[in-house]
Protein backbone atom coordinates (compact mmCIF):
# COMPACT_ATOMS: atom_id res chain seq x y z
CA MET A 1 30.48 5.14 3.88
CA LEU A 2 27.45 7.13 2.66
CA LYS A 3 26.43 4.20 0.45
CA GLN A 4 26.63 1.82 3.45
CA ILE A 5 24.48 4.16 5.54
CA THR A 6 21.95 4.43 2.69
CA VAL A 7 21.77 0.63 2.35
CA LEU A 8 21.37 0.31 6.14
CA MET A 9 18.54 2.88 6.15
CA LEU A 10 16.73 1.11 3.29
CA GLY A 11 17.12 -2.20 5.13
CA LEU A 12 15.64 -0.74 8.31
CA SER A 13 12.78 0.74 6.29
CA LEU A 14 12.05 -2.66 4.76
CA VAL A 15 12.02 -4.32 8.20
CA THR A 16 9.67 -1.60 9.46
CA CYS A 17 7.37 -2.17 6.49
CA LEU A 18 7.40 -5.95 6.84
CA THR A 19 6.62 -5.82 10.55
CA GLY A 20 4.19 -2.91 10.36
CA CYS A 21 2.31 -3.74 7.18
CA GLY A 22 1.25 -7.29 7.89
CA SER A 23 -1.95 -6.63 9.79
CA SER A 24 -5.10 -5.30 8.22
CA GLN A 25 -8.60 -4.65 9.34
CA GLY A 26 -11.33 -3.46 7.02
CA GLU A 27 -14.92 -2.52 6.38
CA SER A 28 -17.06 -3.57 3.45
CA ALA A 29 -18.27 -0.82 1.13
CA THR A 30 -21.64 -2.55 0.92
CA ASN A 31 -23.16 -3.53 4.25
CA SER A 32 -26.42 -5.46 4.18
CA GLY A 33 -27.44 -4.20 7.62
CA ALA A 34 -27.49 -7.76 8.98
CA THR A 35 -23.77 -7.58 9.69
CA THR A 36 -22.47 -5.19 12.31
CA SER A 37 -19.51 -2.92 11.60
CA ALA A 38 -17.31 -4.92 14.00
CA GLU A 39 -18.25 -8.21 12.27
CA THR A 40 -17.52 -6.69 8.87
CA GLN A 41 -14.14 -5.38 10.00
CA ALA A 42 -13.18 -8.69 11.58
CA SER A 43 -13.90 -10.54 8.32
CA HIS A 44 -11.26 -8.52 6.40
CA VAL A 45 -8.17 -8.90 8.59
CA ASP A 46 -4.93 -9.57 6.66
CA GLU A 47 -6.52 -10.18 3.27
CA PHE A 48 -3.75 -8.16 1.59
CA THR A 49 -0.44 -6.95 2.97
CA ILE A 50 2.28 -4.71 1.59
CA THR A 51 5.46 -6.76 1.64
CA ASP A 52 7.91 -4.28 0.09
CA VAL A 53 8.29 -0.62 -0.91
CA THR A 54 11.30 0.35 -3.03
CA LYS A 55 12.22 3.83 -4.25
CA GLY A 56 13.90 3.88 -7.66
CA GLU A 57 16.52 6.28 -8.97
CA ALA A 58 15.43 9.65 -10.38
CA ASN A 59 15.49 9.94 -14.16
CA SER A 60 16.75 12.95 -16.15
CA TYR A 61 13.20 14.38 -16.20
CA GLY A 62 12.97 14.62 -12.41
CA TYR A 63 10.76 11.58 -11.75
CA TYR A 64 11.26 8.23 -10.01
CA ASP A 65 9.19 5.11 -9.39
CA LEU A 66 7.97 3.69 -6.11
CA ASP A 67 7.62 -0.06 -6.53
CA VAL A 68 5.06 -1.35 -4.01
CA THR A 69 4.49 -5.09 -3.63
CA VAL A 70 1.18 -6.38 -2.26
CA GLN A 71 0.31 -9.99 -1.43
CA ASN A 72 -3.04 -11.79 -1.41
CA ASN A 73 -3.24 -13.64 1.92
CA THR A 74 -6.65 -15.24 1.28
CA ASP A 75 -7.50 -18.69 -0.07
CA GLU A 76 -9.25 -17.28 -3.17
CA ALA A 77 -8.36 -15.04 -6.11
CA LYS A 78 -9.21 -11.36 -5.57
CA ASN A 79 -9.51 -8.53 -8.10
CA PHE A 80 -7.08 -6.05 -6.52
CA LEU A 81 -8.10 -2.43 -7.11
CA GLY A 82 -5.56 -0.42 -5.13
CA PHE A 83 -4.24 0.83 -1.81
CA SER A 84 -4.17 4.15 0.01
CA VAL A 85 -1.07 6.29 -0.38
CA ASN A 86 0.17 9.02 1.93
CA GLU A 87 3.22 10.85 0.60
CA LEU A 88 5.28 12.00 3.60
CA ASP A 89 7.74 14.85 4.13
CA ALA A 90 11.02 14.42 6.05
CA ASN A 91 9.17 14.92 9.36
CA GLY A 92 6.60 12.22 8.58
CA ASN A 93 3.82 14.73 7.86
CA ILE A 94 1.39 13.98 5.03
CA LEU A 95 2.03 15.99 1.86
CA LYS A 96 -0.62 14.34 -0.31
CA SER A 97 -3.06 11.41 -0.06
CA TYR A 98 -4.72 9.38 -2.80
CA MET A 99 -5.65 5.83 -3.79
CA SER A 100 -3.09 4.07 -5.98
CA TYR A 101 -5.73 3.43 -8.66
CA ASN A 102 -5.75 7.19 -9.27
CA LYS A 103 -2.23 6.77 -10.70
CA ASN A 104 -2.37 3.13 -11.79
CA ALA A 105 -5.78 1.95 -12.97
CA ALA A 106 -4.73 -1.56 -14.03
CA TYR A 107 -6.94 -3.79 -11.90
CA THR A 108 -5.46 -7.25 -11.55
CA VAL A 109 -6.67 -10.62 -10.30
CA VAL A 110 -4.19 -11.72 -7.63
CA GLU A 111 -4.23 -15.44 -6.83
CA PRO A 112 -3.92 -16.79 -3.26
CA GLY A 113 -0.39 -16.21 -1.96
CA GLN A 114 0.56 -14.35 -5.12
CA GLN A 115 2.31 -10.98 -5.08
CA TYR A 116 1.58 -8.01 -7.33
CA HIS A 117 4.01 -5.15 -8.05
CA ILE A 118 2.59 -1.68 -8.60
CA LYS A 119 4.76 1.18 -9.81
CA LEU A 120 3.82 4.71 -8.81
CA THR A 121 5.61 7.57 -10.58
CA GLU A 122 6.60 10.43 -8.27
CA ALA A 123 8.19 13.83 -8.90
CA VAL A 124 11.50 14.68 -7.21
CA ALA A 125 10.27 18.28 -6.86
CA ASP A 126 7.45 17.13 -4.56
CA GLY A 127 9.96 16.50 -1.78
CA ILE A 128 8.55 13.09 -0.84
CA ALA A 129 10.67 11.55 1.92
CA GLY A 130 8.42 8.63 2.83
CA PHE A 131 5.46 6.39 1.98
CA GLN A 132 2.56 5.30 4.16
CA SER A 133 -0.46 3.13 3.45
CA ARG A 134 -3.41 2.49 5.74
CA GLY A 135 -5.68 0.35 3.56
CA TYR A 136 -6.62 -1.37 0.33
CA GLU A 137 -9.60 -2.15 -1.93
CA TYR A 138 -10.58 -5.18 -3.96
CA GLY A 139 -13.71 -6.18 -5.90
CA ASP A 140 -15.39 -5.84 -9.27
CA SER A 141 -14.94 -2.07 -9.54
CA ILE A 142 -14.32 1.03 -7.46
CA ASN A 143 -18.10 1.46 -7.14
CA SER A 144 -18.50 -2.14 -5.93
CA SER A 145 -15.48 -2.76 -3.72
CA THR A 146 -14.49 -4.18 -0.38
CA LYS A 147 -12.25 -1.94 1.72
CA GLY A 148 -9.72 -3.08 4.27
CA SER A 149 -7.42 -1.12 6.51
CA PHE A 150 -4.11 -2.17 8.03
CA SER A 151 -4.20 -2.23 11.82
CA THR A 152 -0.62 -0.96 11.72
CA PRO A 153 0.04 1.33 8.74
CA CYS A 154 2.88 0.45 6.40
CA LYS A 155 5.32 3.36 6.77
CA VAL A 156 8.69 3.62 5.02
CA MET A 157 10.97 6.67 5.14
CA PHE A 158 13.56 7.02 2.36
């Protein structure tokens, strides 16, 4: 019975992520001044979405992986740099925030429609009960990147 409840909860979390992670809205890191902030934000809607977040089993060392899948929704290849991560406690409060490239610095060209899986290693002792992401970055480097933010954050409780 506990296993069925766990599977049901993971299924509901996936549905929440798929419905809540699909919209994005962003702002370019480099603004020429000729484009207004609203125009810049409107040009970055839904470029990337998070389509899945899966929590792996803990290993004997007290760590587990979060496998996060992102998808390029544009019509051109993009050099994906990373996404924002909020680690949540059981009440949905933020324990820690960082960009995924702080833990996984493998920048990857993601083709149109292609998905990319990123594994983040987490410690069981940190008490992480959920994942939330509000945005992403792509471009040539962290210093020369385009930032986007999801209009509805991707939030999954485990």
